[in-house]
Structures are given as structure tokens and as C-alpha cells.
Amino acid sequence: MHEMMVAESLLKTISAEASRRNARPIGATISCGTLNAVNDETLRFAFDAIAKGTPCEDMRLQIEHKPTQGKCRKCDRDFEIEFSQPKCTDCGSEDFALLPDAPLMLEEIELETD
């Protein structure tokens, strides 16, 4: 299960940073691309399950999905792809290349100190 591996990695990274700063984690934000997306519900469930009994128990996990980008071969502009109408938003051309999807990334950890 992809989400379980992501949850384990998040728990390890967040716990290490909280310990290093002598603080308690209360929230975290991750982001990922639309094509490399994680299932939000499954990831939260996995994270909550493995965080029980750790300093990360009951912390908020926010997941942001970054839109897929394309590069128009006609006008050379980058644009956000709307999959229901896949065309350049500037010139209307349907000749474009998909740009690399945004990676899964831990964007922010919110910590609380005593």
C-alpha cells in the first residue's frame, strides 16, 4: 500500500524534527501532483493508525493537490491543464506536452513548545 509507506516516512520525518526542536507536532501539510496523487482518506487513516502512542497522535494532516501543468508547443506558454478540455488556456492549441507532475513533498510542520 503506497499510502502506508508515505505515512511511515511522514511519521519518521515529523517525529525527528519535533524531537530535534523539543516540541510537539500539531499539524503538517503535504503536497502532491494530480497524477502522482495519494488517496487522502487512506493516507490519513494510515497515519492515524501508526501515530497512536507517539507524539504525532491526533495531529492534523493537510493534503494539497497541485494541478497538472502543460507546455504549449504553439505559443510556448506553461498552463494548468483542464482534463475536460485539454488545450492551451492562452492560444487554444491542443498541441502541448505534459510537464513533470509535482512530487510528493512535506511542505510544513506545525510545532508547539511548552
C-alpha atoms as a PDB file:
ATOM      1  CA  MET A   1       0.000   0.000   0.000  1.00  0.00           C
ATOM      2  CA  HIS A   2       1.586   3.252  -1.217  1.00  0.00           C
ATOM      3  CA  GLU A   3      -0.143   5.397   1.421  1.00  0.00           C
ATOM      4  CA  MET A   4       1.194   3.283   4.302  1.00  0.00           C
ATOM      5  CA  MET A   5       4.774   3.806   3.107  1.00  0.00           C
ATOM      6  CA  VAL A   6       4.121   7.549   2.785  1.00  0.00           C
ATOM      7  CA  ALA A   7       2.596   7.636   6.284  1.00  0.00           C
ATOM      8  CA  GLU A   8       5.608   5.821   7.767  1.00  0.00           C
ATOM      9  CA  SER A   9       8.017   8.240   6.103  1.00  0.00           C
ATOM     10  CA  LEU A  10       5.993  11.247   7.300  1.00  0.00           C
ATOM     11  CA  LEU A  11       5.855   9.928  10.860  1.00  0.00           C
ATOM     12  CA  LYS A  12       9.618   9.349  10.910  1.00  0.00           C
ATOM     13  CA  THR A  13      10.439  12.793   9.492  1.00  0.00           C
ATOM     14  CA  ILE A  14       7.952  14.720  11.635  1.00  0.00           C
ATOM     15  CA  SER A  15       8.968  12.862  14.810  1.00  0.00           C
ATOM     16  CA  ALA A  16      12.655  13.527  14.180  1.00  0.00           C
ATOM     17  CA  GLU A  17      12.099  17.242  13.590  1.00  0.00           C
ATOM     18  CA  ALA A  18       9.861  17.575  16.667  1.00  0.00           C
ATOM     19  CA  SER A  19      12.424  15.781  18.805  1.00  0.00           C
ATOM     20  CA  ARG A  20      15.250  17.936  17.439  1.00  0.00           C
ATOM     21  CA  ARG A  21      13.315  21.078  18.384  1.00  0.00           C
ATOM     22  CA  ASN A  22      11.986  19.656  21.662  1.00  0.00           C
ATOM     23  CA  ALA A  23       8.413  20.335  20.554  1.00  0.00           C
ATOM     24  CA  ARG A  24       5.135  18.534  19.943  1.00  0.00           C
ATOM     25  CA  PRO A  25       3.839  18.272  16.371  1.00  0.00           C
ATOM     26  CA  ILE A  26       0.263  19.536  15.999  1.00  0.00           C
ATOM     27  CA  GLY A  27      -0.062  19.691  12.216  1.00  0.00           C
ATOM     28  CA  ALA A  28       1.624  19.072   8.904  1.00  0.00           C
ATOM     29  CA  THR A  29       0.966  19.951   5.279  1.00  0.00           C
ATOM     30  CA  ILE A  30       1.987  17.774   2.355  1.00  0.00           C
ATOM     31  CA  SER A  31       1.514  18.376  -1.349  1.00  0.00           C
ATOM     32  CA  CYS A  32       1.491  16.151  -4.403  1.00  0.00           C
ATOM     33  CA  GLY A  33       0.687  16.371  -8.078  1.00  0.00           C
ATOM     34  CA  THR A  34      -2.622  15.309  -9.555  1.00  0.00           C
ATOM     35  CA  LEU A  35      -1.110  12.371 -11.435  1.00  0.00           C
ATOM     36  CA  ASN A  36       1.064  11.191  -8.518  1.00  0.00           C
ATOM     37  CA  ALA A  37      -1.734  11.707  -6.043  1.00  0.00           C
ATOM     38  CA  VAL A  38      -2.300   9.866  -2.811  1.00  0.00           C
ATOM     39  CA  ASN A  39      -5.730   8.907  -1.557  1.00  0.00           C
ATOM     40  CA  ASP A  40      -6.377  11.484   1.173  1.00  0.00           C
ATOM     41  CA  GLU A  41      -8.657   9.298   3.272  1.00  0.00           C
ATOM     42  CA  THR A  42      -6.364   6.258   3.092  1.00  0.00           C
ATOM     43  CA  LEU A  43      -3.272   8.308   3.944  1.00  0.00           C
ATOM     44  CA  ARG A  44      -4.962   9.947   6.936  1.00  0.00           C
ATOM     45  CA  PHE A  45      -6.204   6.554   8.155  1.00  0.00           C
ATOM     46  CA  ALA A  46      -2.727   5.009   7.810  1.00  0.00           C
ATOM     47  CA  PHE A  47      -1.040   7.967   9.504  1.00  0.00           C
ATOM     48  CA  ASP A  48      -3.521   7.974  12.403  1.00  0.00           C
ATOM     49  CA  ALA A  49      -3.056   4.218  12.874  1.00  0.00           C
ATOM     50  CA  ILE A  50       0.745   4.281  13.070  1.00  0.00           C
ATOM     51  CA  ALA A  51       0.865   7.556  15.045  1.00  0.00           C
ATOM     52  CA  LYS A  52      -1.058   6.085  18.011  1.00  0.00           C
ATOM     53  CA  GLY A  53       1.071   6.241  21.134  1.00  0.00           C
ATOM     54  CA  THR A  54       3.596   8.625  19.550  1.00  0.00           C
ATOM     55  CA  PRO A  55       3.970  12.416  19.877  1.00  0.00           C
ATOM     56  CA  CYS A  56       2.254  12.658  16.456  1.00  0.00           C
ATOM     57  CA  GLU A  57      -1.006  11.156  17.728  1.00  0.00           C
ATOM     58  CA  ASP A  58      -4.015  13.416  16.976  1.00  0.00           C
ATOM     59  CA  MET A  59      -2.063  15.877  14.822  1.00  0.00           C
ATOM     60  CA  ARG A  60      -3.696  17.446  11.720  1.00  0.00           C
ATOM     61  CA  LEU A  61      -2.548  16.260   8.323  1.00  0.00           C
ATOM     62  CA  GLN A  62      -3.431  18.576   5.433  1.00  0.00           C
ATOM     63  CA  ILE A  63      -3.012  17.311   1.865  1.00  0.00           C
ATOM     64  CA  GLU A  64      -2.821  19.736  -1.071  1.00  0.00           C
ATOM     65  CA  HIS A  65      -3.071  18.556  -4.679  1.00  0.00           C
ATOM     66  CA  LYS A  66      -1.101  20.601  -7.218  1.00  0.00           C
ATOM     67  CA  PRO A  67      -2.661  20.861 -10.696  1.00  0.00           C
ATOM     68  CA  THR A  68      -1.135  19.196 -13.741  1.00  0.00           C
ATOM     69  CA  GLN A  69       0.798  21.600 -15.973  1.00  0.00           C
ATOM     70  CA  GLY A  70       1.333  21.595 -19.711  1.00  0.00           C
ATOM     71  CA  LYS A  71       3.612  23.493 -22.095  1.00  0.00           C
ATOM     72  CA  CYS A  72       2.033  24.677 -25.328  1.00  0.00           C
ATOM     73  CA  ARG A  73       4.012  23.776 -28.423  1.00  0.00           C
ATOM     74  CA  LYS A  74       2.405  26.638 -30.377  1.00  0.00           C
ATOM     75  CA  CYS A  75       2.815  29.671 -28.055  1.00  0.00           C
ATOM     76  CA  ASP A  76       5.407  28.154 -25.659  1.00  0.00           C
ATOM     77  CA  ARG A  77       3.403  29.063 -22.542  1.00  0.00           C
ATOM     78  CA  ASP A  78       3.001  26.908 -19.436  1.00  0.00           C
ATOM     79  CA  PHE A  79      -0.593  26.412 -18.333  1.00  0.00           C
ATOM     80  CA  GLU A  80      -2.767  24.426 -15.930  1.00  0.00           C
ATOM     81  CA  ILE A  81      -4.390  21.525 -17.753  1.00  0.00           C
ATOM     82  CA  GLU A  82      -8.149  21.155 -17.504  1.00  0.00           C
ATOM     83  CA  PHE A  83      -8.657  17.481 -18.384  1.00  0.00           C
ATOM     84  CA  SER A  84     -12.243  18.025 -19.555  1.00  0.00           C
ATOM     85  CA  GLN A  85     -10.897  20.482 -22.199  1.00  0.00           C
ATOM     86  CA  PRO A  86      -7.178  19.745 -22.686  1.00  0.00           C
ATOM     87  CA  LYS A  87      -5.910  22.782 -24.565  1.00  0.00           C
ATOM     88  CA  CYS A  88      -3.717  25.804 -24.012  1.00  0.00           C
ATOM     89  CA  THR A  89      -5.544  28.423 -21.981  1.00  0.00           C
ATOM     90  CA  ASP A  90      -3.746  31.217 -23.858  1.00  0.00           C
ATOM     91  CA  CYS A  91      -3.985  30.308 -27.553  1.00  0.00           C
ATOM     92  CA  GLY A  92      -6.407  27.356 -27.525  1.00  0.00           C
ATOM     93  CA  SER A  93      -3.964  24.921 -29.144  1.00  0.00           C
ATOM     94  CA  GLU A  94      -4.393  21.233 -28.356  1.00  0.00           C
ATOM     95  CA  ASP A  95      -0.723  20.602 -29.163  1.00  0.00           C
ATOM     96  CA  PHE A  96       1.067  20.564 -25.809  1.00  0.00           C
ATOM     97  CA  ALA A  97       3.438  18.498 -23.691  1.00  0.00           C
ATOM     98  CA  LEU A  98       2.738  17.386 -20.145  1.00  0.00           C
ATOM     99  CA  LEU A  99       5.211  18.862 -17.673  1.00  0.00           C
ATOM    100  CA  PRO A 100       6.527  16.684 -14.824  1.00  0.00           C
ATOM    101  CA  ASP A 101       3.975  16.219 -12.065  1.00  0.00           C
ATOM    102  CA  ALA A 102       4.620  17.841  -8.700  1.00  0.00           C
ATOM    103  CA  PRO A 103       6.388  15.426  -6.339  1.00  0.00           C
ATOM    104  CA  LEU A 104       5.039  14.287  -3.011  1.00  0.00           C
ATOM    105  CA  MET A 105       6.530  16.765  -0.563  1.00  0.00           C
ATOM    106  CA  LEU A 106       6.309  17.598   3.130  1.00  0.00           C
ATOM    107  CA  GLU A 107       5.686  21.347   2.925  1.00  0.00           C
ATOM    108  CA  GLU A 108       5.271  22.357   6.564  1.00  0.00           C
ATOM    109  CA  ILE A 109       5.327  21.014  10.109  1.00  0.00           C
ATOM    110  CA  GLU A 110       3.480  22.943  12.801  1.00  0.00           C
ATOM    111  CA  LEU A 111       5.076  22.505  16.216  1.00  0.00           C
ATOM    112  CA  GLU A 112       4.040  23.515  19.714  1.00  0.00           C
ATOM    113  CA  THR A 113       6.515  24.137  22.507  1.00  0.00           C
ATOM    114  CA  ASP A 114       5.703  24.102  26.212  1.00  0.00           C
END
